[in-house]
Amino acid sequence: MMGGLSRGAAGVALAAAWLAVPTTVAPQASAAIAPTLSVAMTGSALGAANSAAVGCGQTAQATVRRPDGTPVQRGVVEFSSRLPGLGGNIVGTVPVTDGTASIFWIPDIAGQHIVSAVYYDGLPDYEPTAGYTTVIAFNLGGFCI
């Protein structure tokens, strides 16, 4: 040993110096909340669930809830409609208020429509989520029930 600390003493001194240095611990990132979304239709019905007449208005309503069942208070829902095997269109984007978002929708062609809703809030605390329902539109020659 030449005029210094032994290897063991140097290790102890280094460990003591390292422990004396203040360290900052980053906060743990919390996982994003995965809300649930359900889609329902209300409006001119033909009696059977989720049926409509071409040209007659329906209201698509998305319900967005946290895992504990409480309503989501912010964000938006984008509604779209399409026929299976064909392209679709965006019906519109509306804000979520007390866990619900609703939009007026009019089927323009007969057939089975898939009405979809996608929730997002643009912040990292909620995951986007989606849901859909199907509506069968019948051509009744402009007659609405």
C-alpha atoms as a PDB file:
ATOM      1  CA  MET A   1       0.000   0.000   0.000  1.00  0.00           C
ATOM      2  CA  MET A   2       1.582   3.231  -1.119  1.00  0.00           C
ATOM      3  CA  GLY A   3       0.570   6.287   0.898  1.00  0.00           C
ATOM      4  CA  GLY A   4      -3.144   5.917   0.565  1.00  0.00           C
ATOM      5  CA  LEU A   5      -6.141   3.906   1.498  1.00  0.00           C
ATOM      6  CA  SER A   6      -6.307   0.184   1.129  1.00  0.00           C
ATOM      7  CA  ARG A   7      -8.609  -1.153  -1.508  1.00  0.00           C
ATOM      8  CA  GLY A   8     -11.214  -2.103   1.111  1.00  0.00           C
ATOM      9  CA  ALA A   9     -11.020   1.299   2.854  1.00  0.00           C
ATOM     10  CA  ALA A  10     -11.322   3.077  -0.488  1.00  0.00           C
ATOM     11  CA  GLY A  11     -14.495   1.107  -1.257  1.00  0.00           C
ATOM     12  CA  VAL A  12     -16.009   2.021   2.087  1.00  0.00           C
ATOM     13  CA  ALA A  13     -15.113   5.718   1.567  1.00  0.00           C
ATOM     14  CA  LEU A  14     -16.601   5.680  -1.950  1.00  0.00           C
ATOM     15  CA  ALA A  15     -19.815   4.026  -0.740  1.00  0.00           C
ATOM     16  CA  ALA A  16     -20.137   6.561   2.088  1.00  0.00           C
ATOM     17  CA  ALA A  17     -19.645   9.453  -0.352  1.00  0.00           C
ATOM     18  CA  TRP A  18     -22.242   8.023  -2.736  1.00  0.00           C
ATOM     19  CA  LEU A  19     -24.787   7.603   0.059  1.00  0.00           C
ATOM     20  CA  ALA A  20     -24.230  11.219   1.130  1.00  0.00           C
ATOM     21  CA  VAL A  21     -25.171  12.554  -2.327  1.00  0.00           C
ATOM     22  CA  PRO A  22     -28.850  13.495  -2.450  1.00  0.00           C
ATOM     23  CA  THR A  23     -30.743  11.630  -5.112  1.00  0.00           C
ATOM     24  CA  THR A  24     -33.992  12.406  -6.818  1.00  0.00           C
ATOM     25  CA  VAL A  25     -36.406   9.590  -7.431  1.00  0.00           C
ATOM     26  CA  ALA A  26     -38.794  10.102 -10.314  1.00  0.00           C
ATOM     27  CA  PRO A  27     -42.452   9.586  -9.408  1.00  0.00           C
ATOM     28  CA  GLN A  28     -43.940   6.352 -10.637  1.00  0.00           C
ATOM     29  CA  ALA A  29     -46.067   6.811 -13.716  1.00  0.00           C
ATOM     30  CA  SER A  30     -49.585   5.697 -13.009  1.00  0.00           C
ATOM     31  CA  ALA A  31     -51.383   3.545 -15.519  1.00  0.00           C
ATOM     32  CA  ALA A  32     -54.006   5.203 -17.681  1.00  0.00           C
ATOM     33  CA  ILE A  33     -57.610   4.533 -16.730  1.00  0.00           C
ATOM     34  CA  ALA A  34     -59.427   2.253 -19.166  1.00  0.00           C
ATOM     35  CA  PRO A  35     -63.043   3.480 -19.286  1.00  0.00           C
ATOM     36  CA  THR A  36     -65.913   1.412 -20.671  1.00  0.00           C
ATOM     37  CA  LEU A  37     -68.115   2.636 -23.503  1.00  0.00           C
ATOM     38  CA  SER A  38     -71.547   1.436 -24.569  1.00  0.00           C
ATOM     39  CA  VAL A  39     -73.601   2.661 -27.523  1.00  0.00           C
ATOM     40  CA  ALA A  40     -77.401   2.730 -27.716  1.00  0.00           C
ATOM     41  CA  MET A  41     -79.916   4.157 -30.181  1.00  0.00           C
ATOM     42  CA  THR A  42     -83.138   6.020 -29.438  1.00  0.00           C
ATOM     43  CA  GLY A  43     -85.637   7.613 -31.781  1.00  0.00           C
ATOM     44  CA  SER A  44     -88.021   6.450 -34.449  1.00  0.00           C
ATOM     45  CA  ALA A  45     -88.256   2.719 -33.916  1.00  0.00           C
ATOM     46  CA  LEU A  46     -90.233   0.146 -35.848  1.00  0.00           C
ATOM     47  CA  GLY A  47     -90.878  -1.859 -32.721  1.00  0.00           C
ATOM     48  CA  ALA A  48     -87.880  -4.133 -32.990  1.00  0.00           C
ATOM     49  CA  ALA A  49     -84.735  -3.173 -31.121  1.00  0.00           C
ATOM     50  CA  ASN A  50     -82.257  -1.118 -33.137  1.00  0.00           C
ATOM     51  CA  SER A  51     -84.334  -0.742 -36.267  1.00  0.00           C
ATOM     52  CA  ALA A  52     -85.018   2.473 -38.133  1.00  0.00           C
ATOM     53  CA  ALA A  53     -86.591   3.871 -41.259  1.00  0.00           C
ATOM     54  CA  VAL A  54     -84.443   5.399 -44.004  1.00  0.00           C
ATOM     55  CA  GLY A  55     -84.551   9.181 -43.732  1.00  0.00           C
ATOM     56  CA  CYS A  56     -85.868   9.148 -40.163  1.00  0.00           C
ATOM     57  CA  GLY A  57     -83.786  10.449 -37.312  1.00  0.00           C
ATOM     58  CA  GLN A  58     -82.261   8.457 -34.502  1.00  0.00           C
ATOM     59  CA  THR A  59     -80.105   9.553 -31.599  1.00  0.00           C
ATOM     60  CA  ALA A  60     -76.870   7.675 -31.002  1.00  0.00           C
ATOM     61  CA  GLN A  61     -75.837   7.847 -27.358  1.00  0.00           C
ATOM     62  CA  ALA A  62     -72.493   6.736 -25.946  1.00  0.00           C
ATOM     63  CA  THR A  63     -72.142   6.145 -22.219  1.00  0.00           C
ATOM     64  CA  VAL A  64     -68.583   6.392 -20.892  1.00  0.00           C
ATOM     65  CA  ARG A  65     -67.780   5.140 -17.386  1.00  0.00           C
ATOM     66  CA  ARG A  66     -64.690   4.711 -15.257  1.00  0.00           C
ATOM     67  CA  PRO A  67     -63.921   1.167 -14.032  1.00  0.00           C
ATOM     68  CA  ASP A  68     -65.614   1.996 -10.696  1.00  0.00           C
ATOM     69  CA  GLY A  69     -68.856   2.871 -12.559  1.00  0.00           C
ATOM     70  CA  THR A  70     -68.694   6.644 -12.117  1.00  0.00           C
ATOM     71  CA  PRO A  71     -69.278   8.746 -15.248  1.00  0.00           C
ATOM     72  CA  VAL A  72     -66.338  10.211 -17.142  1.00  0.00           C
ATOM     73  CA  GLN A  73     -66.531  14.014 -16.976  1.00  0.00           C
ATOM     74  CA  ARG A  74     -64.435  15.157 -19.937  1.00  0.00           C
ATOM     75  CA  GLY A  75     -63.258  14.192 -23.393  1.00  0.00           C
ATOM     76  CA  VAL A  76     -65.073  13.710 -26.673  1.00  0.00           C
ATOM     77  CA  VAL A  77     -66.781  10.922 -28.587  1.00  0.00           C
ATOM     78  CA  GLU A  78     -66.501  10.611 -32.349  1.00  0.00           C
ATOM     79  CA  PHE A  79     -69.453   8.833 -33.950  1.00  0.00           C
ATOM     80  CA  SER A  80     -69.326   7.151 -37.354  1.00  0.00           C
ATOM     81  CA  SER A  81     -71.644   4.981 -39.425  1.00  0.00           C
ATOM     82  CA  ARG A  82     -70.930   2.380 -42.061  1.00  0.00           C
ATOM     83  CA  LEU A  83     -72.503  -0.529 -43.883  1.00  0.00           C
ATOM     84  CA  PRO A  84     -70.632  -3.867 -43.651  1.00  0.00           C
ATOM     85  CA  GLY A  85     -68.280  -4.242 -46.592  1.00  0.00           C
ATOM     86  CA  LEU A  86     -68.645  -0.606 -47.581  1.00  0.00           C
ATOM     87  CA  GLY A  87     -67.033   2.629 -46.501  1.00  0.00           C
ATOM     88  CA  GLY A  88     -68.554   4.805 -43.874  1.00  0.00           C
ATOM     89  CA  ASN A  89     -68.736   8.369 -42.773  1.00  0.00           C
ATOM     90  CA  ILE A  90     -68.110  10.380 -39.645  1.00  0.00           C
ATOM     91  CA  VAL A  91     -71.392  11.490 -38.129  1.00  0.00           C
ATOM     92  CA  GLY A  92     -69.736  13.987 -35.794  1.00  0.00           C
ATOM     93  CA  THR A  93     -67.707  14.614 -32.656  1.00  0.00           C
ATOM     94  CA  VAL A  94     -69.380  15.744 -29.438  1.00  0.00           C
ATOM     95  CA  PRO A  95     -68.183  16.438 -25.886  1.00  0.00           C
ATOM     96  CA  VAL A  96     -68.822  14.053 -23.012  1.00  0.00           C
ATOM     97  CA  THR A  97     -71.081  15.528 -20.325  1.00  0.00           C
ATOM     98  CA  ASP A  98     -71.689  13.577 -17.141  1.00  0.00           C
ATOM     99  CA  GLY A  99     -70.651  10.334 -18.821  1.00  0.00           C
ATOM    100  CA  THR A 100     -72.728  10.650 -21.987  1.00  0.00           C
ATOM    101  CA  ALA A 101     -72.364  11.982 -25.507  1.00  0.00           C
ATOM    102  CA  SER A 102     -75.249  12.050 -27.985  1.00  0.00           C
ATOM    103  CA  ILE A 103     -75.651  12.927 -31.651  1.00  0.00           C
ATOM    104  CA  PHE A 104     -78.517  12.948 -34.143  1.00  0.00           C
ATOM    105  CA  TRP A 105     -78.145  10.404 -36.968  1.00  0.00           C
ATOM    106  CA  ILE A 106     -80.272   9.716 -40.050  1.00  0.00           C
ATOM    107  CA  PRO A 107     -79.801   6.476 -42.004  1.00  0.00           C
ATOM    108  CA  ASP A 108     -79.677   7.346 -45.695  1.00  0.00           C
ATOM    109  CA  ILE A 109     -79.815   3.854 -47.175  1.00  0.00           C
ATOM    110  CA  ALA A 110     -81.509   0.579 -46.270  1.00  0.00           C
ATOM    111  CA  GLY A 111     -79.400  -2.130 -44.694  1.00  0.00           C
ATOM    112  CA  GLN A 112     -77.493  -3.015 -41.564  1.00  0.00           C
ATOM    113  CA  HIS A 113     -75.584   0.024 -40.286  1.00  0.00           C
ATOM    114  CA  ILE A 114     -72.763  -0.198 -37.770  1.00  0.00           C
ATOM    115  CA  VAL A 115     -72.842   2.915 -35.608  1.00  0.00           C
ATOM    116  CA  SER A 116     -69.494   3.268 -33.832  1.00  0.00           C
ATOM    117  CA  ALA A 117     -68.296   5.557 -31.080  1.00  0.00           C
ATOM    118  CA  VAL A 118     -64.684   6.263 -30.084  1.00  0.00           C
ATOM    119  CA  TYR A 119     -63.909   8.068 -26.812  1.00  0.00           C
ATOM    120  CA  TYR A 120     -60.703  10.015 -26.210  1.00  0.00           C
ATOM    121  CA  ASP A 121     -59.685  12.965 -24.070  1.00  0.00           C
ATOM    122  CA  GLY A 122     -56.229  13.850 -25.404  1.00  0.00           C
ATOM    123  CA  LEU A 123     -54.609  13.477 -21.981  1.00  0.00           C
ATOM    124  CA  PRO A 124     -52.550  10.522 -20.761  1.00  0.00           C
ATOM    125  CA  ASP A 125     -54.819   9.644 -17.822  1.00  0.00           C
ATOM    126  CA  TYR A 126     -57.606   7.999 -19.895  1.00  0.00           C
ATOM    127  CA  GLU A 127     -57.108   5.387 -22.582  1.00  0.00           C
ATOM    128  CA  PRO A 128     -59.150   5.737 -25.773  1.00  0.00           C
ATOM    129  CA  THR A 129     -61.962   3.214 -25.979  1.00  0.00           C
ATOM    130  CA  ALA A 130     -64.559   2.251 -28.558  1.00  0.00           C
ATOM    131  CA  GLY A 131     -67.917   0.571 -28.907  1.00  0.00           C
ATOM    132  CA  TYR A 132     -70.648   0.071 -31.474  1.00  0.00           C
ATOM    133  CA  THR A 133     -74.191  -1.023 -32.071  1.00  0.00           C
ATOM    134  CA  THR A 134     -75.981  -2.178 -35.196  1.00  0.00           C
ATOM    135  CA  VAL A 135     -79.121  -0.643 -36.664  1.00  0.00           C
ATOM    136  CA  ILE A 136     -81.166  -2.163 -39.460  1.00  0.00           C
ATOM    137  CA  ALA A 137     -82.700   0.549 -41.632  1.00  0.00           C
ATOM    138  CA  PHE A 138     -85.750  -0.231 -43.745  1.00  0.00           C
ATOM    139  CA  ASN A 139     -86.965   1.804 -46.706  1.00  0.00           C
ATOM    140  CA  LEU A 140     -90.535   2.762 -45.918  1.00  0.00           C
ATOM    141  CA  GLY A 141     -90.837   5.331 -48.681  1.00  0.00           C
ATOM    142  CA  GLY A 142     -90.181   8.288 -46.387  1.00  0.00           C
ATOM    143  CA  PHE A 143     -92.650   7.205 -43.720  1.00  0.00           C
ATOM    144  CA  CYS A 144     -91.300   7.661 -40.181  1.00  0.00           C
ATOM    145  CA  ILE A 145     -92.765   5.944 -37.190  1.00  0.00           C
END
